[in-house]
N, C-alpha and C. Protein backbone atom coordinates (compact mmCIF):
# COMPACT_ATOMS: atom_id res chain seq x y z
N MET A 1 -114.07 75.13 31.75
CA MET A 1 -113.67 76.67 31.62
C MET A 1 -114.00 77.48 32.83
N ASN A 2 -112.90 77.88 33.48
CA ASN A 2 -113.03 78.59 34.74
C ASN A 2 -112.46 80.00 34.64
N PHE A 3 -113.14 80.82 33.98
CA PHE A 3 -112.76 82.26 33.71
C PHE A 3 -114.05 83.00 33.66
N ALA A 4 -113.80 84.25 33.74
CA ALA A 4 -114.76 85.19 33.53
C ALA A 4 -114.24 86.46 32.63
N THR A 5 -114.94 86.85 31.65
CA THR A 5 -114.38 87.89 30.80
C THR A 5 -114.11 89.17 31.66
N THR A 6 -115.02 89.46 32.69
CA THR A 6 -114.86 90.59 33.45
C THR A 6 -113.53 90.39 34.27
N ASP A 7 -113.14 89.37 34.72
CA ASP A 7 -111.78 89.20 35.50
C ASP A 7 -110.75 89.34 34.56
N LEU A 8 -110.88 88.74 33.46
CA LEU A 8 -109.78 88.89 32.39
C LEU A 8 -109.45 90.32 32.04
N CYS A 9 -110.66 91.09 31.83
CA CYS A 9 -110.52 92.43 31.46
C CYS A 9 -109.85 93.21 32.55
N ASP A 10 -110.21 92.95 33.90
CA ASP A 10 -109.51 93.65 35.04
C ASP A 10 -108.05 93.34 35.04
N GLU A 11 -107.64 92.11 34.76
CA GLU A 11 -106.37 91.70 34.89
C GLU A 11 -105.37 92.12 33.74
N TYR A 12 -105.92 92.05 32.47
CA TYR A 12 -105.15 92.21 31.33
C TYR A 12 -105.38 93.30 30.46
N MET A 13 -106.36 94.20 30.76
CA MET A 13 -106.53 95.38 29.93
C MET A 13 -105.40 96.40 29.66
N ASP A 14 -104.56 96.44 30.66
CA ASP A 14 -103.56 97.42 30.52
C ASP A 14 -102.12 96.66 30.25
N ASP A 15 -102.21 95.39 30.01
CA ASP A 15 -100.98 94.58 29.67
C ASP A 15 -100.74 94.73 28.22
N PRO A 16 -99.60 95.36 27.96
CA PRO A 16 -99.35 95.56 26.36
C PRO A 16 -99.13 94.22 25.56
N GLN A 17 -98.69 93.30 26.31
CA GLN A 17 -98.33 91.93 25.70
C GLN A 17 -99.62 91.28 25.33
N ALA A 18 -100.60 91.43 26.10
CA ALA A 18 -102.04 90.66 25.80
C ALA A 18 -102.77 91.36 24.75
N GLN A 19 -102.45 92.76 24.55
CA GLN A 19 -103.33 93.40 23.48
C GLN A 19 -104.77 93.06 23.55
N LEU A 20 -105.38 93.16 24.70
CA LEU A 20 -106.72 92.74 24.87
C LEU A 20 -107.71 93.72 24.32
N ARG A 21 -108.71 93.25 23.49
CA ARG A 21 -109.71 94.06 22.90
C ARG A 21 -111.13 93.47 23.30
N VAL A 22 -112.11 94.40 23.47
CA VAL A 22 -113.45 93.97 23.71
C VAL A 22 -114.30 94.13 22.56
N VAL A 23 -114.93 93.14 22.13
CA VAL A 23 -115.92 93.24 21.04
C VAL A 23 -117.25 93.93 21.49
N ASN A 24 -117.67 94.90 20.70
CA ASN A 24 -118.84 95.56 21.03
C ASN A 24 -119.92 94.51 21.29
N PRO A 25 -120.78 95.04 22.39
CA PRO A 25 -121.96 93.98 22.74
C PRO A 25 -122.99 94.01 21.76
N MET A 26 -123.01 92.94 20.90
CA MET A 26 -124.08 92.77 19.77
C MET A 26 -124.40 91.39 19.63
N PHE A 27 -123.72 90.45 20.55
CA PHE A 27 -123.93 88.98 20.22
C PHE A 27 -124.88 88.45 21.21
N ILE A 28 -125.56 87.36 20.84
CA ILE A 28 -126.45 86.51 21.64
C ILE A 28 -125.90 85.13 21.80
N GLY A 29 -125.90 84.63 22.90
CA GLY A 29 -125.47 83.28 23.24
C GLY A 29 -126.58 82.32 22.72
N PHE A 30 -126.23 81.33 21.92
CA PHE A 30 -127.28 80.32 21.47
C PHE A 30 -126.69 78.86 21.94
N GLY A 31 -125.60 78.74 22.11
CA GLY A 31 -125.08 77.26 22.33
C GLY A 31 -125.33 76.81 23.82
N GLY A 32 -125.03 75.53 24.00
CA GLY A 32 -125.23 74.96 25.21
C GLY A 32 -124.10 75.11 26.17
N ARG A 33 -122.95 75.60 25.58
CA ARG A 33 -121.80 76.09 26.45
C ARG A 33 -121.80 77.56 26.41
N LYS A 34 -122.01 78.12 27.51
CA LYS A 34 -122.11 79.58 27.81
C LYS A 34 -120.76 80.26 27.72
N ARG A 35 -119.72 79.60 28.33
CA ARG A 35 -118.28 80.04 28.57
C ARG A 35 -117.46 79.26 27.63
N PHE A 36 -116.75 79.94 26.69
CA PHE A 36 -115.83 79.16 25.86
C PHE A 36 -114.60 80.02 25.49
N SER A 37 -113.52 79.33 25.09
CA SER A 37 -112.35 80.03 24.70
C SER A 37 -111.49 79.16 23.83
N GLY A 38 -110.52 79.56 23.23
CA GLY A 38 -109.60 78.88 22.27
C GLY A 38 -109.02 79.75 21.28
N GLN A 39 -107.94 79.24 20.61
CA GLN A 39 -107.27 79.86 19.51
C GLN A 39 -108.13 79.95 18.32
N ILE A 40 -108.06 81.05 17.73
CA ILE A 40 -108.99 81.58 16.69
C ILE A 40 -108.61 80.95 15.17
N THR A 41 -109.51 80.52 14.58
CA THR A 41 -109.47 80.21 13.12
C THR A 41 -110.59 81.23 12.38
N THR A 42 -110.26 81.89 11.37
CA THR A 42 -111.34 82.87 10.86
C THR A 42 -111.80 82.36 9.58
N LEU A 43 -112.95 82.81 9.21
CA LEU A 43 -113.68 82.74 7.85
C LEU A 43 -114.26 83.96 7.57
N LYS A 44 -114.05 84.43 6.28
CA LYS A 44 -114.87 85.58 5.87
C LYS A 44 -115.62 85.20 4.65
N LEU A 45 -116.93 85.39 4.67
CA LEU A 45 -117.81 84.88 3.67
C LEU A 45 -119.05 85.75 3.68
N PHE A 46 -119.99 85.39 2.82
CA PHE A 46 -121.32 86.11 2.82
C PHE A 46 -122.39 85.26 2.42
N GLU A 47 -123.35 84.87 3.15
CA GLU A 47 -124.53 84.11 2.98
C GLU A 47 -124.24 82.84 2.38
N ASP A 48 -123.15 82.25 2.68
CA ASP A 48 -122.80 80.95 2.08
C ASP A 48 -121.98 80.20 3.19
N ASN A 49 -122.55 79.08 3.59
CA ASN A 49 -121.88 78.41 4.77
C ASN A 49 -120.93 77.06 4.39
N VAL A 50 -120.75 76.91 3.14
CA VAL A 50 -120.07 75.62 2.78
C VAL A 50 -118.64 75.72 3.44
N ARG A 51 -118.02 76.76 3.58
CA ARG A 51 -116.64 76.77 4.28
C ARG A 51 -116.77 76.56 5.68
N VAL A 52 -117.88 76.99 6.28
CA VAL A 52 -118.30 76.71 7.74
C VAL A 52 -118.23 75.16 7.88
N ARG A 53 -118.96 74.37 7.17
CA ARG A 53 -118.98 73.02 7.18
C ARG A 53 -117.57 72.42 7.10
N GLU A 54 -116.85 72.91 6.09
CA GLU A 54 -115.52 72.39 5.91
C GLU A 54 -114.56 72.48 7.08
N VAL A 55 -114.57 73.64 7.69
CA VAL A 55 -113.74 73.94 8.78
C VAL A 55 -114.20 73.12 10.10
N LEU A 56 -115.52 73.06 10.37
CA LEU A 56 -116.08 72.38 11.55
C LEU A 56 -115.85 70.94 11.28
N GLY A 57 -115.60 70.43 10.14
CA GLY A 57 -115.37 69.01 9.91
C GLY A 57 -113.93 68.56 10.12
N GLU A 58 -113.07 69.55 10.44
CA GLU A 58 -111.78 69.36 10.82
C GLU A 58 -111.57 69.32 12.32
N PRO A 59 -110.39 68.67 12.72
CA PRO A 59 -110.08 68.63 14.19
C PRO A 59 -109.96 70.06 14.80
N GLY A 60 -110.79 70.33 15.71
CA GLY A 60 -110.88 71.81 16.29
C GLY A 60 -109.78 72.05 17.36
N GLN A 61 -109.31 71.01 18.10
CA GLN A 61 -108.36 71.04 19.08
C GLN A 61 -108.70 72.31 19.96
N GLY A 62 -109.96 72.24 20.44
CA GLY A 62 -110.32 73.27 21.44
C GLY A 62 -110.34 74.71 20.94
N GLY A 63 -110.23 74.87 19.57
CA GLY A 63 -110.29 76.26 19.05
C GLY A 63 -111.65 76.86 18.81
N VAL A 64 -111.58 78.14 18.45
CA VAL A 64 -112.82 78.81 18.18
C VAL A 64 -112.89 79.30 16.81
N LEU A 65 -114.05 78.99 16.03
CA LEU A 65 -114.14 79.58 14.64
C LEU A 65 -114.93 80.86 14.74
N VAL A 66 -114.17 81.83 14.13
CA VAL A 66 -114.84 83.16 14.07
C VAL A 66 -115.22 83.40 12.63
N VAL A 67 -116.49 83.47 12.37
CA VAL A 67 -117.07 83.72 11.04
C VAL A 67 -117.67 85.04 10.66
N ASP A 68 -116.92 85.84 9.94
CA ASP A 68 -117.30 87.11 9.48
C ASP A 68 -118.32 86.98 8.30
N GLY A 69 -119.70 86.96 8.63
CA GLY A 69 -120.70 86.82 7.76
C GLY A 69 -121.14 88.05 7.14
N GLY A 70 -120.38 89.10 7.40
CA GLY A 70 -120.86 90.50 6.92
C GLY A 70 -122.00 91.17 7.64
N GLY A 71 -122.39 90.55 8.75
CA GLY A 71 -123.49 91.01 9.51
C GLY A 71 -124.81 90.75 8.88
N SER A 72 -124.79 89.87 7.87
CA SER A 72 -126.02 89.58 7.15
C SER A 72 -127.22 89.10 8.02
N MET A 73 -128.34 89.62 7.76
CA MET A 73 -129.48 89.19 8.64
C MET A 73 -130.60 88.41 7.67
N ARG A 74 -130.10 88.05 6.56
CA ARG A 74 -130.93 87.42 5.58
C ARG A 74 -131.02 85.87 5.44
N CYS A 75 -130.13 85.30 6.26
CA CYS A 75 -130.00 83.78 6.25
C CYS A 75 -129.10 83.43 7.51
N ALA A 76 -129.13 82.12 7.82
CA ALA A 76 -128.30 81.51 8.83
C ALA A 76 -127.13 80.94 8.20
N LEU A 77 -125.92 81.12 8.99
CA LEU A 77 -124.82 80.50 8.58
C LEU A 77 -124.31 79.22 9.44
N LEU A 78 -125.09 78.94 10.42
CA LEU A 78 -124.89 77.81 11.28
C LEU A 78 -126.13 77.33 11.83
N GLY A 79 -126.34 76.03 11.94
CA GLY A 79 -127.53 75.39 12.59
C GLY A 79 -126.98 74.22 13.33
N ASP A 80 -128.03 73.45 13.81
CA ASP A 80 -127.78 72.36 14.59
C ASP A 80 -126.92 71.29 14.24
N GLN A 81 -126.89 71.02 12.91
CA GLN A 81 -126.03 69.91 12.25
C GLN A 81 -124.51 70.36 12.29
N LEU A 82 -124.32 71.51 11.89
CA LEU A 82 -122.92 72.12 11.92
C LEU A 82 -122.40 72.18 13.20
N ALA A 83 -123.29 72.78 14.10
CA ALA A 83 -122.90 72.92 15.63
C ALA A 83 -122.48 71.55 16.15
N GLN A 84 -123.30 70.39 15.88
CA GLN A 84 -122.95 69.05 16.46
C GLN A 84 -121.63 68.58 15.71
N LEU A 85 -121.50 68.82 14.43
CA LEU A 85 -120.20 68.59 13.73
C LEU A 85 -119.03 69.22 14.46
N GLY A 86 -119.18 70.59 14.73
CA GLY A 86 -118.05 71.10 15.47
C GLY A 86 -117.70 70.63 16.84
N LYS A 87 -118.82 70.24 17.65
CA LYS A 87 -118.67 69.67 18.94
C LYS A 87 -117.98 68.33 18.73
N ASP A 88 -118.46 67.62 17.86
CA ASP A 88 -117.89 66.20 17.65
C ASP A 88 -116.42 66.18 17.22
N ASN A 89 -116.01 67.30 16.56
CA ASN A 89 -114.71 67.39 16.17
C ASN A 89 -113.66 68.34 17.01
N GLY A 90 -114.16 68.52 18.31
CA GLY A 90 -113.36 69.07 19.34
C GLY A 90 -113.24 70.67 19.33
N TRP A 91 -114.13 71.30 18.68
CA TRP A 91 -114.23 72.81 18.62
C TRP A 91 -114.74 73.32 19.92
N SER A 92 -114.34 74.41 20.57
CA SER A 92 -114.87 75.01 21.77
C SER A 92 -116.11 75.70 21.51
N GLY A 93 -116.06 76.51 20.35
CA GLY A 93 -117.07 77.46 20.09
C GLY A 93 -117.05 78.08 18.72
N VAL A 94 -118.15 78.71 18.27
CA VAL A 94 -118.19 79.50 17.01
C VAL A 94 -118.87 80.83 17.33
N VAL A 95 -118.23 81.86 16.69
CA VAL A 95 -118.82 83.30 16.85
C VAL A 95 -119.15 83.56 15.45
N VAL A 96 -120.44 83.89 15.21
CA VAL A 96 -120.94 84.27 13.89
C VAL A 96 -121.39 85.69 13.82
N TYR A 97 -120.66 86.47 13.09
CA TYR A 97 -121.16 87.91 12.69
C TYR A 97 -122.19 87.76 11.65
N GLY A 98 -123.42 87.32 12.02
CA GLY A 98 -124.48 86.90 11.11
C GLY A 98 -125.37 86.01 11.97
N CYS A 99 -126.25 85.30 11.25
CA CYS A 99 -127.26 84.57 11.92
C CYS A 99 -127.08 83.15 12.02
N VAL A 100 -127.86 82.50 13.13
CA VAL A 100 -127.84 81.09 13.26
C VAL A 100 -129.36 80.62 13.05
N ARG A 101 -129.53 79.33 13.02
CA ARG A 101 -130.83 78.74 13.09
C ARG A 101 -130.90 77.57 13.97
N ASP A 102 -131.97 76.95 14.09
CA ASP A 102 -132.22 75.90 15.04
C ASP A 102 -131.84 76.16 16.40
N SER A 103 -132.32 77.39 16.78
CA SER A 103 -131.83 78.01 18.12
C SER A 103 -132.31 76.99 19.34
N ALA A 104 -133.36 76.45 19.42
CA ALA A 104 -133.68 75.57 20.42
C ALA A 104 -132.70 74.27 20.48
N GLN A 105 -132.44 73.74 19.39
CA GLN A 105 -131.49 72.68 19.36
C GLN A 105 -130.11 73.04 19.72
N LEU A 106 -129.64 74.27 19.28
CA LEU A 106 -128.24 74.70 19.64
C LEU A 106 -128.04 74.71 21.06
N MET A 107 -129.27 75.25 21.80
CA MET A 107 -129.07 75.22 23.31
C MET A 107 -128.68 73.84 23.91
N GLU A 108 -128.90 72.68 23.21
CA GLU A 108 -128.81 71.33 23.77
C GLU A 108 -127.36 70.71 23.23
N ILE A 109 -126.61 71.46 22.53
CA ILE A 109 -125.40 71.04 22.05
C ILE A 109 -124.27 71.70 22.91
N GLU A 110 -123.31 70.91 23.39
CA GLU A 110 -122.24 71.45 24.20
C GLU A 110 -121.15 72.07 23.41
N LEU A 111 -121.55 73.23 22.85
CA LEU A 111 -120.66 74.01 21.97
C LEU A 111 -120.99 75.57 22.27
N GLY A 112 -119.98 76.31 22.46
CA GLY A 112 -120.26 77.73 22.49
C GLY A 112 -120.77 78.26 21.23
N VAL A 113 -121.68 79.00 21.12
CA VAL A 113 -122.26 79.68 19.88
C VAL A 113 -122.78 81.07 20.24
N GLN A 114 -122.15 82.08 19.56
CA GLN A 114 -122.65 83.55 19.70
C GLN A 114 -122.91 84.02 18.33
N ALA A 115 -123.95 84.62 18.11
CA ALA A 115 -124.31 85.15 16.84
C ALA A 115 -125.21 86.44 17.07
N LEU A 116 -125.44 87.14 15.91
CA LEU A 116 -126.18 88.42 16.10
C LEU A 116 -127.60 88.16 16.29
N ASN A 117 -128.22 87.06 15.60
CA ASN A 117 -129.60 86.80 15.84
C ASN A 117 -129.89 85.33 15.30
N ALA A 118 -131.15 84.98 15.27
CA ALA A 118 -131.61 83.74 14.60
C ALA A 118 -132.44 84.15 13.43
N HIS A 119 -132.40 83.12 12.46
CA HIS A 119 -133.04 83.30 11.10
C HIS A 119 -133.28 81.92 10.62
N PRO A 120 -134.51 81.63 10.21
CA PRO A 120 -134.95 80.31 9.88
C PRO A 120 -134.38 79.84 8.33
N LEU A 121 -134.06 80.81 7.55
CA LEU A 121 -133.57 80.39 6.29
C LEU A 121 -132.16 80.07 6.15
N LYS A 122 -131.89 78.93 5.41
CA LYS A 122 -130.61 78.41 5.16
C LYS A 122 -129.80 79.22 4.34
N SER A 123 -128.45 79.12 4.26
CA SER A 123 -127.65 80.04 3.36
C SER A 123 -127.49 79.38 1.97
N GLN A 124 -126.89 79.97 1.11
CA GLN A 124 -126.59 79.48 -0.25
C GLN A 124 -125.40 78.49 0.03
N LYS A 125 -125.02 77.80 -1.03
CA LYS A 125 -124.15 76.69 -1.19
C LYS A 125 -123.12 76.85 -2.24
N LYS A 126 -122.45 77.88 -2.38
CA LYS A 126 -121.50 78.17 -3.47
C LYS A 126 -120.08 77.83 -3.17
N GLY A 127 -119.68 77.69 -1.84
CA GLY A 127 -118.35 77.33 -1.45
C GLY A 127 -117.45 78.53 -1.56
N LEU A 128 -118.01 79.73 -1.45
CA LEU A 128 -117.10 80.97 -1.50
C LEU A 128 -116.79 81.49 -0.10
N GLY A 129 -115.61 81.94 -0.04
CA GLY A 129 -115.09 82.71 1.30
C GLY A 129 -113.60 82.43 1.43
N GLU A 130 -113.08 83.29 2.36
CA GLU A 130 -111.60 83.15 2.59
C GLU A 130 -111.35 82.63 4.05
N ARG A 131 -110.31 81.90 4.21
CA ARG A 131 -110.01 81.32 5.53
C ARG A 131 -108.62 81.88 6.10
N ASP A 132 -108.65 82.06 7.38
CA ASP A 132 -107.27 82.54 8.03
C ASP A 132 -106.93 83.98 7.51
N VAL A 133 -107.99 84.89 7.45
CA VAL A 133 -107.75 86.25 6.99
C VAL A 133 -108.15 87.08 8.21
N SER A 134 -107.70 88.30 8.32
CA SER A 134 -108.05 89.22 9.18
C SER A 134 -109.59 89.67 9.19
N VAL A 135 -110.38 89.75 10.20
CA VAL A 135 -111.70 90.11 10.14
C VAL A 135 -112.03 91.12 11.03
N THR A 136 -112.98 92.02 10.80
CA THR A 136 -113.19 93.19 11.61
C THR A 136 -114.76 93.41 11.89
N PHE A 137 -115.14 93.46 13.13
CA PHE A 137 -116.56 93.69 13.47
C PHE A 137 -116.57 93.97 14.78
N GLY A 138 -117.71 94.74 15.25
CA GLY A 138 -117.66 95.04 16.65
C GLY A 138 -116.52 95.96 17.20
N SER A 139 -116.01 96.72 16.31
CA SER A 139 -114.95 97.65 16.58
C SER A 139 -113.62 96.97 16.91
N VAL A 140 -113.39 95.65 16.45
CA VAL A 140 -112.19 94.89 16.77
C VAL A 140 -111.77 94.08 15.53
N THR A 141 -110.49 94.18 15.22
CA THR A 141 -109.88 93.44 14.22
C THR A 141 -109.42 92.23 14.82
N ILE A 142 -109.65 91.00 14.26
CA ILE A 142 -109.33 89.70 14.87
C ILE A 142 -108.49 89.04 13.82
N GLN A 143 -107.29 88.56 14.38
CA GLN A 143 -106.39 87.75 13.49
C GLN A 143 -106.43 86.24 13.78
N PRO A 144 -106.28 85.49 12.68
CA PRO A 144 -106.17 83.95 13.05
C PRO A 144 -105.07 83.71 13.92
N GLY A 145 -105.13 82.78 14.86
CA GLY A 145 -104.07 82.53 15.84
C GLY A 145 -104.18 83.26 17.12
N GLU A 146 -104.97 84.33 17.16
CA GLU A 146 -105.22 84.95 18.47
C GLU A 146 -106.15 84.17 19.27
N TRP A 147 -106.52 84.64 20.51
CA TRP A 147 -107.27 83.81 21.44
C TRP A 147 -108.50 84.51 21.80
N LEU A 148 -109.71 83.89 21.74
CA LEU A 148 -110.90 84.43 22.02
C LEU A 148 -111.55 83.87 23.25
N TYR A 149 -112.08 84.76 24.14
CA TYR A 149 -112.71 84.32 25.40
C TYR A 149 -114.19 84.91 25.32
N ALA A 150 -115.16 83.95 25.64
CA ALA A 150 -116.55 84.51 25.52
C ALA A 150 -117.23 83.91 26.77
N ASP A 151 -118.21 84.65 27.16
CA ASP A 151 -119.14 84.19 28.39
C ASP A 151 -120.37 85.10 28.27
N GLU A 152 -121.13 85.00 29.32
CA GLU A 152 -122.39 85.80 29.33
C GLU A 152 -122.28 87.27 29.32
N ASP A 153 -121.09 87.85 29.61
CA ASP A 153 -120.92 89.18 29.74
C ASP A 153 -120.27 89.72 28.39
N GLY A 154 -119.72 88.92 27.48
CA GLY A 154 -119.17 89.55 26.28
C GLY A 154 -118.18 88.54 25.70
N ILE A 155 -117.49 89.22 24.72
CA ILE A 155 -116.31 88.50 23.93
C ILE A 155 -115.25 89.40 23.97
N ILE A 156 -114.04 88.83 24.26
CA ILE A 156 -112.71 89.51 24.33
C ILE A 156 -111.75 88.76 23.42
N VAL A 157 -110.84 89.43 22.90
CA VAL A 157 -109.81 88.89 21.99
C VAL A 157 -108.43 89.28 22.46
N ALA A 158 -107.54 88.30 22.59
CA ALA A 158 -106.10 88.64 23.09
C ALA A 158 -105.06 88.26 22.05
N SER A 159 -104.08 88.84 21.98
CA SER A 159 -102.99 88.39 21.07
C SER A 159 -102.35 87.06 21.52
N GLN A 160 -102.56 86.63 22.77
CA GLN A 160 -101.85 85.44 23.27
C GLN A 160 -102.70 84.77 24.17
N GLN A 161 -102.50 83.57 24.54
CA GLN A 161 -103.41 82.78 25.54
C GLN A 161 -103.21 83.50 26.98
N LEU A 162 -104.24 83.61 27.69
CA LEU A 162 -104.19 84.22 28.90
C LEU A 162 -104.27 83.23 30.03
N ASN A 163 -103.73 83.46 31.16
CA ASN A 163 -103.81 82.53 32.28
C ASN A 163 -105.12 82.79 32.86
N THR A 164 -106.02 81.62 32.67
CA THR A 164 -107.36 81.73 33.22
C THR A 164 -107.42 80.87 34.66
C-alpha cells in the first residue's frame, strides 16, 4: 500500500467523480497494518458480532469490512481470532464503529483495524444485523461497493477506486 490519505485528499477532494468524503477523526488504529484500502462491505449491527465472523470467514479479495456497531462502548465486536480469520481470508482491513478487544494481539496481525476504543467484554451471539446496507457515522454515509482508504492520518471514502 503506497498511498497517504493526505495526498489523496489533496488530489481528489475537488473531483466530482471521486465524491471523496473524510470521516471525522474518532478512530484509533489497532491492527498490525497501519495503511489499508479496499472495496467496502458493510454490516450494521448492535453488540452482536456473529455476522462479523460470517463475513470475515468469506474470501475478502482485498476488501474492507465496515462495521456500524452503533458506536457502542459496552462490548467488543472484533478480537484477535476474528482479525486473524479476516487476514487469512484476504481482507485488507476492518473499521469498527464500536470497540475491539485483544488490542495487544491485534497489533501483531497483518490486518488494518480501526475502532473507537478497546473493551475487554465480548459481544452477544444472536446473529442479528444487516449486510450491504448504507451506514452513517463520523459525518459520512458509506455505501457498500465504495472504496475506503485508511492510514495514520484518518479514513476517507470514495465512490470509486482512486489511483494510488
